[in-house]
């Protein structure tokens, strides 16, 4: 595995500092420890933890699941009925 580019490392560190997962000196925060235990992008981890703290965990989990998946209404062996059921009922008006 190659070492990441310096710019990518700075961007990742900046993101984690901005989310409150790292102190500016690079030390992991308590929030960062909690986020590290969640198997998702740090932004979504922060969303879920804030949702729990603010009393809207189920809504936060719904949003995290929706944006993490690639195709909610993709037909497959088990998802075909759900895709048919919901696929025609959700419309985006412009």
Protein backbone atom coordinates (compact mmCIF):
# COMPACT_ATOMS: atom_id res chain seq x y z
CA UNK A 1 0.00 0.00 0.00
CA UNK A 2 1.34 3.41 -0.97
CA UNK A 3 1.51 6.36 1.35
CA UNK A 4 -1.34 8.82 0.69
CA UNK A 5 -0.51 12.14 -0.93
CA UNK A 6 0.17 14.97 1.52
CA UNK A 7 -2.78 16.98 0.23
CA UNK A 8 -5.15 14.05 0.82
CA UNK A 9 -3.83 13.62 4.36
CA UNK A 10 -4.34 17.33 5.08
CA UNK A 11 -7.89 17.18 3.69
CA UNK A 12 -8.75 14.13 5.79
CA UNK A 13 -7.26 15.68 8.92
CA UNK A 14 -9.14 18.93 8.27
CA UNK A 15 -12.39 17.03 7.90
CA UNK A 16 -11.86 15.15 11.17
CA UNK A 17 -10.93 18.35 13.02
CA UNK A 18 -14.01 20.07 11.59
CA UNK A 19 -16.24 17.21 12.72
CA UNK A 20 -14.76 17.33 16.21
CA UNK A 21 -13.11 13.91 15.96
CA UNK A 22 -9.57 15.30 16.26
CA UNK A 23 -8.07 18.17 18.20
CA UNK A 24 -6.02 20.62 16.14
CA UNK A 25 -2.87 18.93 17.49
CA UNK A 26 -4.04 15.58 16.08
CA UNK A 27 -5.23 14.02 19.34
CA UNK A 28 -8.37 11.89 19.09
CA UNK A 29 -11.35 13.33 20.98
CA UNK A 30 -13.98 11.38 22.87
CA UNK A 31 -16.36 12.05 19.98
CA UNK A 32 -13.67 10.74 17.61
CA UNK A 33 -13.44 7.52 19.62
CA UNK A 34 -17.19 7.06 19.32
CA UNK A 35 -17.12 7.84 15.59
CA UNK A 36 -14.28 5.37 15.06
CA UNK A 37 -16.54 2.59 16.34
CA UNK A 38 -19.12 3.19 13.62
CA UNK A 39 -18.60 1.42 10.26
CA UNK A 40 -19.38 4.45 8.10
CA UNK A 41 -17.94 7.67 6.71
CA UNK A 42 -17.05 10.10 9.51
CA UNK A 43 -19.69 12.61 8.35
CA UNK A 44 -22.38 9.96 8.69
CA UNK A 45 -20.98 8.80 12.01
CA UNK A 46 -21.27 12.35 13.34
CA UNK A 47 -24.82 12.53 11.99
CA UNK A 48 -25.80 9.33 13.80
CA UNK A 49 -24.17 10.34 17.08
CA UNK A 50 -25.78 13.79 16.95
CA UNK A 51 -29.11 12.16 16.14
CA UNK A 52 -28.80 10.03 19.25
CA UNK A 53 -27.85 13.04 21.36
CA UNK A 54 -30.71 15.17 20.01
CA UNK A 55 -33.37 12.46 20.34
CA UNK A 56 -33.87 11.79 16.64
CA UNK A 57 -31.76 8.68 16.18
CA UNK A 58 -34.19 6.82 13.92
CA UNK A 59 -34.34 9.78 11.54
CA UNK A 60 -30.55 10.12 11.54
CA UNK A 61 -30.16 6.40 10.83
CA UNK A 62 -32.65 6.65 7.98
CA UNK A 63 -30.71 9.53 6.39
CA UNK A 64 -27.37 7.77 6.90
CA UNK A 65 -28.68 4.58 5.31
CA UNK A 66 -30.26 6.46 2.41
CA UNK A 67 -27.14 8.40 1.46
CA UNK A 68 -24.76 5.50 2.01
CA UNK A 69 -26.55 3.14 -0.36
CA UNK A 70 -26.03 3.32 -4.08
CA UNK A 71 -29.51 2.49 -5.25
CA UNK A 72 -32.40 2.22 -2.87
CA UNK A 73 -34.81 1.11 -5.59
CA UNK A 74 -32.51 -1.23 -7.50
CA UNK A 75 -34.25 -4.45 -8.41
CA UNK A 76 -32.69 -7.66 -7.23
CA UNK A 77 -33.72 -11.11 -6.06
CA UNK A 78 -35.28 -10.02 -2.77
CA UNK A 79 -35.72 -6.31 -3.39
CA UNK A 80 -37.80 -6.52 -6.55
CA UNK A 81 -41.18 -6.32 -4.83
CA UNK A 82 -40.10 -3.35 -2.71
CA UNK A 83 -38.64 -1.60 -5.73
CA UNK A 84 -41.90 -2.05 -7.62
CA UNK A 85 -43.98 -0.97 -4.63
CA UNK A 86 -42.05 2.21 -3.83
CA UNK A 87 -40.47 3.00 -7.18
CA UNK A 88 -43.58 4.46 -8.74
CA UNK A 89 -44.69 6.36 -5.66
CA UNK A 90 -41.72 8.62 -5.07
CA UNK A 91 -41.48 11.58 -7.37
CA UNK A 92 -39.18 14.57 -7.38
CA UNK A 93 -40.88 17.73 -8.56
CA UNK A 94 -38.69 20.43 -10.05
